[in-house]
Amino acid sequence: QVQLVESGGGLVQTGGSLRLSCAASGRTFSSHAMGWFRQAPGKEREFVAAITWRGGSASYAVSLKGRFTISRDFAKNTVYLQMNSLKPEDTAVYYCAATNTDTVVAALYYYWGPGTQVTVSS
């Protein structure tokens, strides 16, 4: 069992940066791949970034690569999402998720956090 709680969201101006954190509890955190997804109002949830359970490889949505960086700290049981050069279209609720396979498919993630709101003003 893995429990996830996101933090770090908020209101930022266009071009600004935020770092989201996802604190995980549970003994099996280190054996799970972790992902970030987002959902904007009226839109479907979309993949943002994922990192393998070993932490050695990351995947990104093509449109976000170069602006967003995912990382994980095994000692702190935490996954991060560094977001730079934010745009109004990045406004969404951001979710952290965990799974036991390296994947970018949301349906294959079975632990989810409650989400954190990110709002980028123009």
N, C-alpha and C. Protein backbone atom coordinates (compact mmCIF):
# COMPACT_ATOMS: atom_id res chain seq x y z
N GLN A 1 0.84 -1.19 0.00
CA GLN A 1 0.00 0.00 0.00
C GLN A 1 0.89 1.25 0.00
N VAL A 2 0.55 2.21 -0.85
CA VAL A 2 1.30 3.46 -0.94
C VAL A 2 0.31 4.61 -0.85
N GLN A 3 0.55 5.54 0.04
CA GLN A 3 -0.27 6.75 0.14
C GLN A 3 0.54 7.92 -0.40
N LEU A 4 -0.11 8.76 -1.18
CA LEU A 4 0.56 9.87 -1.85
C LEU A 4 -0.12 11.19 -1.51
N VAL A 5 0.69 12.22 -1.25
CA VAL A 5 0.15 13.55 -0.98
C VAL A 5 1.00 14.58 -1.71
N GLU A 6 0.36 15.34 -2.59
CA GLU A 6 1.06 16.37 -3.34
C GLU A 6 1.07 17.69 -2.58
N SER A 7 2.06 18.51 -2.88
CA SER A 7 2.13 19.86 -2.33
C SER A 7 2.95 20.72 -3.27
N GLY A 8 2.91 22.04 -3.05
CA GLY A 8 3.73 22.94 -3.84
C GLY A 8 2.98 23.69 -4.93
N GLY A 9 1.71 23.38 -5.10
CA GLY A 9 0.95 24.10 -6.10
C GLY A 9 0.65 25.52 -5.64
N GLY A 10 0.10 26.31 -6.56
CA GLY A 10 -0.24 27.68 -6.22
C GLY A 10 -0.43 28.52 -7.44
N LEU A 11 -0.43 29.83 -7.23
CA LEU A 11 -0.62 30.80 -8.30
C LEU A 11 0.74 31.39 -8.68
N VAL A 12 1.04 31.39 -9.97
CA VAL A 12 2.31 31.92 -10.46
C VAL A 12 2.07 32.66 -11.76
N GLN A 13 2.90 33.64 -12.05
CA GLN A 13 2.76 34.38 -13.29
C GLN A 13 3.41 33.64 -14.45
N THR A 14 2.99 33.96 -15.64
CA THR A 14 3.60 33.40 -16.83
C THR A 14 5.11 33.59 -16.80
N GLY A 15 5.81 32.51 -17.10
CA GLY A 15 7.27 32.54 -17.08
C GLY A 15 7.88 32.14 -15.75
N GLY A 16 7.05 32.00 -14.74
CA GLY A 16 7.54 31.63 -13.42
C GLY A 16 7.78 30.14 -13.28
N SER A 17 8.18 29.76 -12.07
CA SER A 17 8.51 28.36 -11.79
C SER A 17 7.81 27.89 -10.52
N LEU A 18 7.56 26.60 -10.46
CA LEU A 18 7.06 25.95 -9.26
C LEU A 18 7.71 24.59 -9.17
N ARG A 19 7.86 24.13 -7.93
CA ARG A 19 8.30 22.76 -7.72
C ARG A 19 7.24 22.03 -6.91
N LEU A 20 6.67 21.02 -7.51
CA LEU A 20 5.70 20.19 -6.83
C LEU A 20 6.41 19.03 -6.13
N SER A 21 5.88 18.67 -4.99
CA SER A 21 6.40 17.52 -4.25
C SER A 21 5.29 16.50 -4.06
N CYS A 22 5.68 15.26 -4.02
CA CYS A 22 4.76 14.18 -3.76
C CYS A 22 5.37 13.30 -2.68
N ALA A 23 4.83 13.39 -1.49
CA ALA A 23 5.34 12.59 -0.38
C ALA A 23 4.61 11.26 -0.35
N ALA A 24 5.39 10.20 -0.30
CA ALA A 24 4.82 8.86 -0.31
C ALA A 24 5.07 8.17 1.02
N SER A 25 4.09 7.45 1.47
CA SER A 25 4.25 6.62 2.66
C SER A 25 3.98 5.19 2.28
N GLY A 26 4.60 4.28 2.98
CA GLY A 26 4.44 2.88 2.62
C GLY A 26 5.79 2.27 2.33
N ARG A 27 5.94 1.04 2.69
CA ARG A 27 7.24 0.39 2.58
C ARG A 27 7.66 0.10 1.16
N THR A 28 6.71 0.11 0.22
CA THR A 28 7.04 -0.30 -1.14
C THR A 28 7.29 0.86 -2.08
N PHE A 29 7.47 2.07 -1.55
CA PHE A 29 7.67 3.23 -2.42
C PHE A 29 8.83 3.01 -3.37
N SER A 30 9.92 2.47 -2.86
CA SER A 30 11.12 2.36 -3.68
C SER A 30 10.96 1.38 -4.82
N SER A 31 9.96 0.53 -4.79
CA SER A 31 9.77 -0.44 -5.86
C SER A 31 8.73 0.00 -6.88
N HIS A 32 8.25 1.21 -6.76
CA HIS A 32 7.22 1.70 -7.66
C HIS A 32 7.75 2.77 -8.60
N ALA A 33 7.32 2.71 -9.83
CA ALA A 33 7.53 3.81 -10.75
C ALA A 33 6.55 4.92 -10.38
N MET A 34 6.96 6.15 -10.60
CA MET A 34 6.14 7.29 -10.21
C MET A 34 5.85 8.17 -11.41
N GLY A 35 4.68 8.76 -11.40
CA GLY A 35 4.31 9.62 -12.51
C GLY A 35 3.57 10.86 -12.04
N TRP A 36 3.61 11.87 -12.89
CA TRP A 36 2.81 13.07 -12.70
C TRP A 36 1.84 13.20 -13.88
N PHE A 37 0.61 13.51 -13.55
CA PHE A 37 -0.43 13.74 -14.54
C PHE A 37 -1.10 15.05 -14.21
N ARG A 38 -1.85 15.60 -15.15
CA ARG A 38 -2.59 16.83 -14.87
C ARG A 38 -3.93 16.80 -15.57
N GLN A 39 -4.85 17.56 -15.01
CA GLN A 39 -6.19 17.66 -15.61
C GLN A 39 -6.66 19.10 -15.51
N ALA A 40 -6.88 19.69 -16.66
CA ALA A 40 -7.41 21.04 -16.73
C ALA A 40 -8.94 20.97 -16.78
N PRO A 41 -9.61 22.06 -16.41
CA PRO A 41 -11.08 22.05 -16.43
C PRO A 41 -11.62 21.70 -17.81
N GLY A 42 -12.54 20.76 -17.85
CA GLY A 42 -13.16 20.38 -19.10
C GLY A 42 -12.32 19.49 -19.99
N LYS A 43 -11.15 19.08 -19.50
CA LYS A 43 -10.26 18.25 -20.32
C LYS A 43 -9.98 16.93 -19.61
N GLU A 44 -9.49 15.97 -20.38
CA GLU A 44 -9.14 14.69 -19.80
C GLU A 44 -7.78 14.78 -19.11
N ARG A 45 -7.58 13.85 -18.20
CA ARG A 45 -6.29 13.78 -17.52
C ARG A 45 -5.22 13.41 -18.53
N GLU A 46 -4.08 14.09 -18.45
CA GLU A 46 -3.01 13.82 -19.40
C GLU A 46 -1.69 13.56 -18.69
N PHE A 47 -0.86 12.79 -19.35
CA PHE A 47 0.45 12.44 -18.83
C PHE A 47 1.37 13.67 -18.87
N VAL A 48 2.15 13.83 -17.79
CA VAL A 48 3.13 14.91 -17.72
C VAL A 48 4.55 14.34 -17.73
N ALA A 49 4.85 13.47 -16.76
CA ALA A 49 6.20 12.92 -16.63
C ALA A 49 6.15 11.67 -15.79
N ALA A 50 7.14 10.81 -15.97
CA ALA A 50 7.26 9.59 -15.18
C ALA A 50 8.72 9.27 -14.96
N ILE A 51 8.98 8.57 -13.87
CA ILE A 51 10.34 8.17 -13.56
C ILE A 51 10.32 6.71 -13.13
N THR A 52 11.31 5.96 -13.58
CA THR A 52 11.35 4.53 -13.29
C THR A 52 11.55 4.26 -11.81
N TRP A 53 11.24 3.03 -11.42
CA TRP A 53 11.33 2.71 -9.99
C TRP A 53 12.76 2.79 -9.49
N ARG A 54 13.71 2.61 -10.36
CA ARG A 54 15.11 2.78 -9.94
C ARG A 54 15.54 4.24 -9.96
N GLY A 55 14.74 5.07 -10.64
CA GLY A 55 15.07 6.49 -10.72
C GLY A 55 16.07 6.83 -11.79
N GLY A 56 16.42 5.88 -12.62
CA GLY A 56 17.47 6.13 -13.59
C GLY A 56 17.01 6.65 -14.93
N SER A 57 15.71 6.63 -15.15
CA SER A 57 15.20 7.05 -16.46
C SER A 57 13.89 7.78 -16.29
N ALA A 58 13.71 8.83 -17.09
CA ALA A 58 12.50 9.63 -17.01
C ALA A 58 11.88 9.78 -18.39
N SER A 59 10.57 9.93 -18.40
CA SER A 59 9.82 10.16 -19.64
C SER A 59 8.99 11.42 -19.47
N TYR A 60 8.78 12.13 -20.57
CA TYR A 60 8.03 13.37 -20.52
C TYR A 60 7.05 13.44 -21.69
N ALA A 61 5.97 14.17 -21.44
CA ALA A 61 5.11 14.53 -22.55
C ALA A 61 5.93 15.37 -23.51
N VAL A 62 5.77 15.11 -24.79
CA VAL A 62 6.60 15.77 -25.80
C VAL A 62 6.50 17.29 -25.68
N SER A 63 5.31 17.78 -25.43
CA SER A 63 5.08 19.23 -25.40
C SER A 63 5.70 19.90 -24.17
N LEU A 64 6.08 19.08 -23.17
CA LEU A 64 6.59 19.65 -21.93
C LEU A 64 8.09 19.44 -21.74
N LYS A 65 8.65 18.58 -22.54
CA LYS A 65 10.07 18.28 -22.38
C LYS A 65 10.90 19.53 -22.55
N GLY A 66 11.84 19.70 -21.62
CA GLY A 66 12.68 20.89 -21.63
C GLY A 66 12.25 21.94 -20.64
N ARG A 67 10.98 21.90 -20.24
CA ARG A 67 10.49 22.84 -19.24
C ARG A 67 10.25 22.16 -17.88
N PHE A 68 9.87 20.88 -17.91
CA PHE A 68 9.55 20.14 -16.70
C PHE A 68 10.61 19.08 -16.44
N THR A 69 10.91 18.86 -15.16
CA THR A 69 11.88 17.84 -14.77
C THR A 69 11.34 17.05 -13.59
N ILE A 70 11.32 15.73 -13.73
CA ILE A 70 10.90 14.85 -12.64
C ILE A 70 12.12 14.25 -11.97
N SER A 71 12.04 14.10 -10.67
CA SER A 71 13.13 13.47 -9.93
C SER A 71 12.55 12.80 -8.69
N ARG A 72 13.35 11.93 -8.07
CA ARG A 72 12.87 11.27 -6.86
C ARG A 72 14.00 11.16 -5.86
N ASP A 73 13.61 11.27 -4.61
CA ASP A 73 14.55 11.16 -3.49
C ASP A 73 14.12 9.97 -2.65
N PHE A 74 14.87 8.86 -2.76
CA PHE A 74 14.48 7.64 -2.05
C PHE A 74 14.58 7.82 -0.54
N ALA A 75 15.54 8.60 -0.09
CA ALA A 75 15.71 8.81 1.35
C ALA A 75 14.52 9.54 1.95
N LYS A 76 13.91 10.42 1.16
CA LYS A 76 12.77 11.19 1.64
C LYS A 76 11.43 10.64 1.16
N ASN A 77 11.46 9.55 0.41
CA ASN A 77 10.22 8.98 -0.15
C ASN A 77 9.42 10.06 -0.87
N THR A 78 10.07 10.83 -1.66
CA THR A 78 9.43 11.97 -2.31
C THR A 78 9.79 12.04 -3.78
N VAL A 79 8.82 12.41 -4.58
CA VAL A 79 9.01 12.66 -5.99
C VAL A 79 8.73 14.14 -6.24
N TYR A 80 9.53 14.72 -7.13
CA TYR A 80 9.40 16.14 -7.41
C TYR A 80 9.07 16.37 -8.89
N LEU A 81 8.43 17.49 -9.14
CA LEU A 81 8.23 17.94 -10.50
C LEU A 81 8.62 19.42 -10.54
N GLN A 82 9.77 19.70 -11.13
CA GLN A 82 10.21 21.08 -11.31
C GLN A 82 9.61 21.60 -12.60
N MET A 83 8.89 22.71 -12.50
CA MET A 83 8.21 23.28 -13.66
C MET A 83 8.74 24.69 -13.89
N ASN A 84 9.33 24.91 -15.05
CA ASN A 84 9.88 26.21 -15.40
C ASN A 84 9.16 26.80 -16.60
N SER A 85 9.35 28.10 -16.79
CA SER A 85 8.75 28.81 -17.93
C SER A 85 7.27 28.48 -18.07
N LEU A 86 6.57 28.59 -16.98
CA LEU A 86 5.16 28.20 -16.96
C LEU A 86 4.31 29.09 -17.85
N LYS A 87 3.28 28.47 -18.44
CA LYS A 87 2.37 29.14 -19.35
C LYS A 87 0.95 29.00 -18.82
N PRO A 88 0.05 29.87 -19.22
CA PRO A 88 -1.35 29.74 -18.77
C PRO A 88 -1.95 28.38 -19.09
N GLU A 89 -1.53 27.78 -20.18
CA GLU A 89 -2.07 26.46 -20.54
C GLU A 89 -1.56 25.33 -19.65
N ASP A 90 -0.63 25.64 -18.75
CA ASP A 90 -0.19 24.66 -17.76
C ASP A 90 -1.12 24.63 -16.55
N THR A 91 -2.08 25.53 -16.51
CA THR A 91 -3.04 25.56 -15.40
C THR A 91 -3.83 24.27 -15.36
N ALA A 92 -3.81 23.62 -14.21
CA ALA A 92 -4.48 22.33 -14.05
C ALA A 92 -4.31 21.85 -12.62
N VAL A 93 -5.03 20.80 -12.30
CA VAL A 93 -4.75 20.06 -11.07
C VAL A 93 -3.70 19.00 -11.42
N TYR A 94 -2.64 18.97 -10.66
CA TYR A 94 -1.54 18.03 -10.90
C TYR A 94 -1.61 16.90 -9.89
N TYR A 95 -1.54 15.68 -10.43
CA TYR A 95 -1.65 14.48 -9.62
C TYR A 95 -0.35 13.67 -9.67
N CYS A 96 -0.01 13.13 -8.52
CA CYS A 96 1.09 12.19 -8.42
C CYS A 96 0.49 10.78 -8.39
N ALA A 97 1.18 9.83 -9.01
CA ALA A 97 0.66 8.48 -9.05
C ALA A 97 1.80 7.47 -9.00
N ALA A 98 1.47 6.25 -8.59
CA ALA A 98 2.47 5.19 -8.48
C ALA A 98 1.95 3.91 -9.11
N THR A 99 2.87 3.14 -9.65
CA THR A 99 2.53 1.88 -10.28
C THR A 99 3.72 0.93 -10.16
N ASN A 100 3.49 -0.34 -10.45
CA ASN A 100 4.57 -1.31 -10.32
C ASN A 100 5.20 -1.65 -11.66
N THR A 101 4.94 -0.80 -12.68
CA THR A 101 5.57 -1.01 -13.97
C THR A 101 5.96 0.34 -14.55
N ASP A 102 6.98 0.36 -15.35
CA ASP A 102 7.41 1.62 -15.95
C ASP A 102 6.52 1.93 -17.14
N THR A 103 5.64 2.91 -16.96
CA THR A 103 4.64 3.21 -17.98
C THR A 103 4.24 4.68 -17.92
N VAL A 104 3.69 5.17 -19.04
CA VAL A 104 3.15 6.53 -19.07
C VAL A 104 1.64 6.50 -19.16
N VAL A 105 1.05 5.32 -19.10
CA VAL A 105 -0.38 5.15 -19.26
C VAL A 105 -1.08 5.32 -17.92
N ALA A 106 -1.94 6.31 -17.83
CA ALA A 106 -2.60 6.62 -16.56
C ALA A 106 -3.40 5.44 -16.01
N ALA A 107 -4.03 4.69 -16.88
CA ALA A 107 -4.87 3.58 -16.44
C ALA A 107 -4.07 2.49 -15.73
N LEU A 108 -2.76 2.48 -15.91
CA LEU A 108 -1.92 1.46 -15.27
C LEU A 108 -1.37 1.91 -13.92
N TYR A 109 -1.67 3.13 -13.53
CA TYR A 109 -1.28 3.62 -12.20
C TYR A 109 -2.43 3.33 -11.24
N TYR A 110 -2.11 2.76 -10.08
CA TYR A 110 -3.21 2.40 -9.19
C TYR A 110 -3.16 3.09 -7.83
N TYR A 111 -2.13 3.88 -7.57
CA TYR A 111 -2.14 4.73 -6.39
C TYR A 111 -2.11 6.17 -6.88
N TRP A 112 -2.99 6.98 -6.33
CA TRP A 112 -3.10 8.38 -6.74
C TRP A 112 -3.19 9.29 -5.52
N GLY A 113 -2.59 10.46 -5.64
CA GLY A 113 -2.76 11.48 -4.63
C GLY A 113 -4.01 12.29 -4.92
N PRO A 114 -4.40 13.17 -4.00
CA PRO A 114 -5.61 13.98 -4.18
C PRO A 114 -5.43 15.13 -5.16
N GLY A 115 -4.18 15.47 -5.49
CA GLY A 115 -3.93 16.53 -6.46
C GLY A 115 -3.61 17.86 -5.81
N THR A 116 -2.92 18.71 -6.57
CA THR A 116 -2.61 20.06 -6.13
C THR A 116 -2.84 21.02 -7.30
N GLN A 117 -3.48 22.14 -7.02
CA GLN A 117 -3.85 23.09 -8.08
C GLN A 117 -2.67 23.97 -8.45
N VAL A 118 -2.44 24.08 -9.74
CA VAL A 118 -1.46 25.01 -10.29
C VAL A 118 -2.19 25.97 -11.20
N THR A 119 -2.05 27.26 -10.94
CA THR A 119 -2.69 28.27 -11.75
C THR A 119 -1.63 29.25 -12.25
N VAL A 120 -1.58 29.41 -13.57
CA VAL A 120 -0.61 30.31 -14.18
C VAL A 120 -1.37 31.49 -14.76
N SER A 121 -1.10 32.67 -14.26
CA SER A 121 -1.79 33.86 -14.73
C SER A 121 -1.05 34.49 -15.90
N SER A 122 -1.82 35.08 -16.80
CA SER A 122 -1.22 35.70 -17.99
C SER A 122 -0.85 37.15 -17.73
